[in-house]
């Protein structure tokens, strides 16, 4: 047979096979488990749980550090925590660290004695599986 004859030869008809009912049920169960597993993976992101000073809070005295607690354990080297004044200038000092004595879910950063005013905390939280979330909140120091 010559190649040109092969190109003109009709192809055999391919018919899809139907799975027996139990195999269909198994396939549906597998798909459902995969979908449920992917929903659980979304929960691995670290979300803001609490902060000190509190979110949108007003404190009488300036804190020596700002701490932010999340719902998941964190990777400090991939996370950030910056405190800025009303003009957008960073006032936090030192490196972001996991809070001492914590469960690995709290970031901390040192701040100098802050004068009265409003401050913004900008954070990036990287959970131990490296998923990142970001956010910000404000707090005020009373005059």
C-alpha atoms as a PDB file:
ATOM      1  CA  UNK A   1       0.000   0.000   0.000  1.00  0.00           C
ATOM      2  CA  UNK A   2       1.289   3.449  -0.886  1.00  0.00           C
ATOM      3  CA  UNK A   3       1.131   6.394   1.546  1.00  0.00           C
ATOM      4  CA  UNK A   4      -1.441   8.202  -0.614  1.00  0.00           C
ATOM      5  CA  UNK A   5      -3.710   5.140  -0.408  1.00  0.00           C
ATOM      6  CA  UNK A   6      -3.421   5.163   3.404  1.00  0.00           C
ATOM      7  CA  UNK A   7      -4.453   8.790   3.529  1.00  0.00           C
ATOM      8  CA  UNK A   8      -7.606   8.019   1.536  1.00  0.00           C
ATOM      9  CA  UNK A   9      -8.508   4.862   3.434  1.00  0.00           C
ATOM     10  CA  UNK A  10     -11.551   5.294   5.708  1.00  0.00           C
ATOM     11  CA  UNK A  11     -10.868   5.313   9.432  1.00  0.00           C
ATOM     12  CA  UNK A  12     -12.588   2.755  11.601  1.00  0.00           C
ATOM     13  CA  UNK A  13     -15.509   4.123  13.605  1.00  0.00           C
ATOM     14  CA  UNK A  14     -14.702   4.648  17.272  1.00  0.00           C
ATOM     15  CA  UNK A  15     -17.590   4.308  19.646  1.00  0.00           C
ATOM     16  CA  UNK A  16     -17.357   5.509  23.258  1.00  0.00           C
ATOM     17  CA  UNK A  17     -17.799   2.803  25.869  1.00  0.00           C
ATOM     18  CA  UNK A  18     -20.352   3.338  28.564  1.00  0.00           C
ATOM     19  CA  UNK A  19     -19.142   2.594  32.044  1.00  0.00           C
ATOM     20  CA  UNK A  20     -21.139   0.176  34.134  1.00  0.00           C
ATOM     21  CA  UNK A  21     -23.273   1.974  36.759  1.00  0.00           C
ATOM     22  CA  UNK A  22     -20.893   1.148  39.631  1.00  0.00           C
ATOM     23  CA  UNK A  23     -17.918   2.556  37.729  1.00  0.00           C
ATOM     24  CA  UNK A  24     -19.878   5.744  37.056  1.00  0.00           C
ATOM     25  CA  UNK A  25     -20.604   6.029  40.761  1.00  0.00           C
ATOM     26  CA  UNK A  26     -16.911   5.518  41.570  1.00  0.00           C
ATOM     27  CA  UNK A  27     -15.916   8.189  39.079  1.00  0.00           C
ATOM     28  CA  UNK A  28     -18.420  10.642  40.586  1.00  0.00           C
ATOM     29  CA  UNK A  29     -17.167   9.880  44.099  1.00  0.00           C
ATOM     30  CA  UNK A  30     -13.569  10.516  43.015  1.00  0.00           C
ATOM     31  CA  UNK A  31     -14.504  13.852  41.460  1.00  0.00           C
ATOM     32  CA  UNK A  32     -16.408  14.849  44.612  1.00  0.00           C
ATOM     33  CA  UNK A  33     -13.410  14.003  46.816  1.00  0.00           C
ATOM     34  CA  UNK A  34     -11.072  16.020  44.606  1.00  0.00           C
ATOM     35  CA  UNK A  35     -13.385  19.023  44.769  1.00  0.00           C
ATOM     36  CA  UNK A  36     -13.737  18.781  48.535  1.00  0.00           C
ATOM     37  CA  UNK A  37      -9.961  18.488  48.893  1.00  0.00           C
ATOM     38  CA  UNK A  38      -9.451  21.688  46.923  1.00  0.00           C
ATOM     39  CA  UNK A  39     -11.913  23.533  49.156  1.00  0.00           C
ATOM     40  CA  UNK A  40      -9.882  22.561  52.239  1.00  0.00           C
ATOM     41  CA  UNK A  41      -6.692  23.858  50.615  1.00  0.00           C
ATOM     42  CA  UNK A  42      -8.201  27.331  50.388  1.00  0.00           C
ATOM     43  CA  UNK A  43      -8.370  27.403  54.190  1.00  0.00           C
ATOM     44  CA  UNK A  44      -4.573  27.315  54.363  1.00  0.00           C
ATOM     45  CA  UNK A  45      -4.388  31.084  53.929  1.00  0.00           C
ATOM     46  CA  UNK A  46      -3.572  33.095  57.042  1.00  0.00           C
ATOM     47  CA  UNK A  47      -6.323  35.580  57.875  1.00  0.00           C
ATOM     48  CA  UNK A  48      -6.183  38.362  60.448  1.00  0.00           C
ATOM     49  CA  UNK A  49      -7.583  37.169  63.772  1.00  0.00           C
ATOM     50  CA  UNK A  50      -6.625  39.957  66.211  1.00  0.00           C
ATOM     51  CA  UNK A  51      -4.128  42.764  66.735  1.00  0.00           C
ATOM     52  CA  UNK A  52      -2.559  44.829  69.485  1.00  0.00           C
ATOM     53  CA  UNK A  53      -3.257  47.737  69.389  1.00  0.00           C
ATOM     54  CA  UNK A  54      -6.707  46.610  68.250  1.00  0.00           C
ATOM     55  CA  UNK A  55      -7.946  47.123  64.709  1.00  0.00           C
ATOM     56  CA  UNK A  56      -9.421  50.655  64.489  1.00  0.00           C
ATOM     57  CA  UNK A  57      -8.720  51.004  68.207  1.00  0.00           C
ATOM     58  CA  UNK A  58      -7.688  54.019  70.249  1.00  0.00           C
ATOM     59  CA  UNK A  59      -5.002  53.576  72.916  1.00  0.00           C
ATOM     60  CA  UNK A  60      -4.144  55.942  75.748  1.00  0.00           C
ATOM     61  CA  UNK A  61      -0.427  55.156  75.656  1.00  0.00           C
ATOM     62  CA  UNK A  62       1.797  54.346  72.695  1.00  0.00           C
ATOM     63  CA  UNK A  63       2.670  50.643  72.413  1.00  0.00           C
ATOM     64  CA  UNK A  64       6.289  49.461  72.388  1.00  0.00           C
ATOM     65  CA  UNK A  65       5.447  46.938  69.690  1.00  0.00           C
ATOM     66  CA  UNK A  66       2.637  46.077  67.330  1.00  0.00           C
ATOM     67  CA  UNK A  67       1.477  42.457  67.157  1.00  0.00           C
ATOM     68  CA  UNK A  68      -0.861  40.863  64.648  1.00  0.00           C
ATOM     69  CA  UNK A  69      -2.286  37.366  65.158  1.00  0.00           C
ATOM     70  CA  UNK A  70      -3.449  35.189  62.259  1.00  0.00           C
ATOM     71  CA  UNK A  71      -5.471  32.001  61.815  1.00  0.00           C
ATOM     72  CA  UNK A  72      -2.537  29.920  60.532  1.00  0.00           C
ATOM     73  CA  UNK A  73       1.119  29.401  61.454  1.00  0.00           C
ATOM     74  CA  UNK A  74       3.391  31.851  59.659  1.00  0.00           C
ATOM     75  CA  UNK A  75       6.719  31.959  57.866  1.00  0.00           C
ATOM     76  CA  UNK A  76       8.305  35.102  59.374  1.00  0.00           C
ATOM     77  CA  UNK A  77      10.944  35.534  56.660  1.00  0.00           C
ATOM     78  CA  UNK A  78       8.228  35.744  53.991  1.00  0.00           C
ATOM     79  CA  UNK A  79       5.893  37.959  56.037  1.00  0.00           C
ATOM     80  CA  UNK A  80       6.000  41.705  56.666  1.00  0.00           C
ATOM     81  CA  UNK A  81       4.583  44.160  59.172  1.00  0.00           C
ATOM     82  CA  UNK A  82       5.080  47.908  58.696  1.00  0.00           C
ATOM     83  CA  UNK A  83       3.649  50.700  60.825  1.00  0.00           C
ATOM     84  CA  UNK A  84       3.356  54.100  59.120  1.00  0.00           C
ATOM     85  CA  UNK A  85       2.356  57.536  60.386  1.00  0.00           C
ATOM     86  CA  UNK A  86      -0.319  59.795  58.871  1.00  0.00           C
ATOM     87  CA  UNK A  87       2.189  61.012  56.260  1.00  0.00           C
ATOM     88  CA  UNK A  88       2.964  57.440  55.121  1.00  0.00           C
ATOM     89  CA  UNK A  89       6.445  57.342  56.698  1.00  0.00           C
ATOM     90  CA  UNK A  90       7.484  54.027  58.274  1.00  0.00           C
ATOM     91  CA  UNK A  91       7.836  54.316  62.047  1.00  0.00           C
ATOM     92  CA  UNK A  92       8.353  50.628  62.876  1.00  0.00           C
ATOM     93  CA  UNK A  93      11.911  49.602  63.649  1.00  0.00           C
ATOM     94  CA  UNK A  94      13.704  46.296  63.681  1.00  0.00           C
ATOM     95  CA  UNK A  95      12.859  43.114  61.864  1.00  0.00           C
ATOM     96  CA  UNK A  96       9.481  41.485  61.783  1.00  0.00           C
ATOM     97  CA  UNK A  97       9.538  38.411  63.999  1.00  0.00           C
ATOM     98  CA  UNK A  98       7.268  35.746  65.369  1.00  0.00           C
ATOM     99  CA  UNK A  99       6.113  36.854  68.823  1.00  0.00           C
ATOM    100  CA  UNK A 100       7.979  35.171  71.666  1.00  0.00           C
ATOM    101  CA  UNK A 101       6.107  32.416  73.468  1.00  0.00           C
ATOM    102  CA  UNK A 102       3.455  32.268  70.760  1.00  0.00           C
ATOM    103  CA  UNK A 103       2.151  29.425  68.657  1.00  0.00           C
ATOM    104  CA  UNK A 104       3.779  30.669  65.450  1.00  0.00           C
ATOM    105  CA  UNK A 105       0.670  32.619  64.426  1.00  0.00           C
ATOM    106  CA  UNK A 106       1.624  36.093  65.720  1.00  0.00           C
ATOM    107  CA  UNK A 107       3.929  38.621  64.016  1.00  0.00           C
ATOM    108  CA  UNK A 108       5.523  41.435  66.013  1.00  0.00           C
ATOM    109  CA  UNK A 109       7.490  44.563  65.178  1.00  0.00           C
ATOM    110  CA  UNK A 110       9.011  47.174  67.499  1.00  0.00           C
ATOM    111  CA  UNK A 111       7.869  50.797  67.361  1.00  0.00           C
ATOM    112  CA  UNK A 112       9.454  53.814  69.070  1.00  0.00           C
ATOM    113  CA  UNK A 113       7.488  55.963  71.489  1.00  0.00           C
ATOM    114  CA  UNK A 114       4.761  57.232  69.188  1.00  0.00           C
ATOM    115  CA  UNK A 115       3.292  60.713  69.576  1.00  0.00           C
ATOM    116  CA  UNK A 116      -0.478  61.162  69.505  1.00  0.00           C
ATOM    117  CA  UNK A 117      -1.915  60.511  66.072  1.00  0.00           C
ATOM    118  CA  UNK A 118      -3.270  57.911  63.688  1.00  0.00           C
ATOM    119  CA  UNK A 119      -1.097  55.049  62.437  1.00  0.00           C
ATOM    120  CA  UNK A 120      -1.571  52.421  59.751  1.00  0.00           C
ATOM    121  CA  UNK A 121      -0.380  48.830  60.011  1.00  0.00           C
ATOM    122  CA  UNK A 122       0.260  47.152  56.657  1.00  0.00           C
ATOM    123  CA  UNK A 123       0.836  43.410  56.748  1.00  0.00           C
ATOM    124  CA  UNK A 124       1.653  40.506  54.497  1.00  0.00           C
ATOM    125  CA  UNK A 125       1.210  37.112  56.089  1.00  0.00           C
ATOM    126  CA  UNK A 126       2.804  34.047  54.515  1.00  0.00           C
ATOM    127  CA  UNK A 127       1.503  30.833  56.019  1.00  0.00           C
ATOM    128  CA  UNK A 128       3.948  27.935  56.386  1.00  0.00           C
ATOM    129  CA  UNK A 129       2.727  26.558  53.041  1.00  0.00           C
ATOM    130  CA  UNK A 130       3.783  29.970  51.557  1.00  0.00           C
ATOM    131  CA  UNK A 131       0.278  31.175  50.632  1.00  0.00           C
ATOM    132  CA  UNK A 132       0.213  34.949  51.151  1.00  0.00           C
ATOM    133  CA  UNK A 133      -2.511  37.331  52.260  1.00  0.00           C
ATOM    134  CA  UNK A 134      -2.244  41.085  52.712  1.00  0.00           C
ATOM    135  CA  UNK A 135      -4.168  43.783  54.498  1.00  0.00           C
ATOM    136  CA  UNK A 136      -4.024  46.892  56.623  1.00  0.00           C
ATOM    137  CA  UNK A 137      -5.749  48.564  59.534  1.00  0.00           C
ATOM    138  CA  UNK A 138      -5.390  51.727  61.576  1.00  0.00           C
ATOM    139  CA  UNK A 139      -5.133  52.594  65.236  1.00  0.00           C
ATOM    140  CA  UNK A 140      -4.803  55.872  67.086  1.00  0.00           C
ATOM    141  CA  UNK A 141      -2.781  57.073  70.061  1.00  0.00           C
ATOM    142  CA  UNK A 142      -4.720  59.567  72.204  1.00  0.00           C
ATOM    143  CA  UNK A 143      -3.205  62.998  72.829  1.00  0.00           C
END
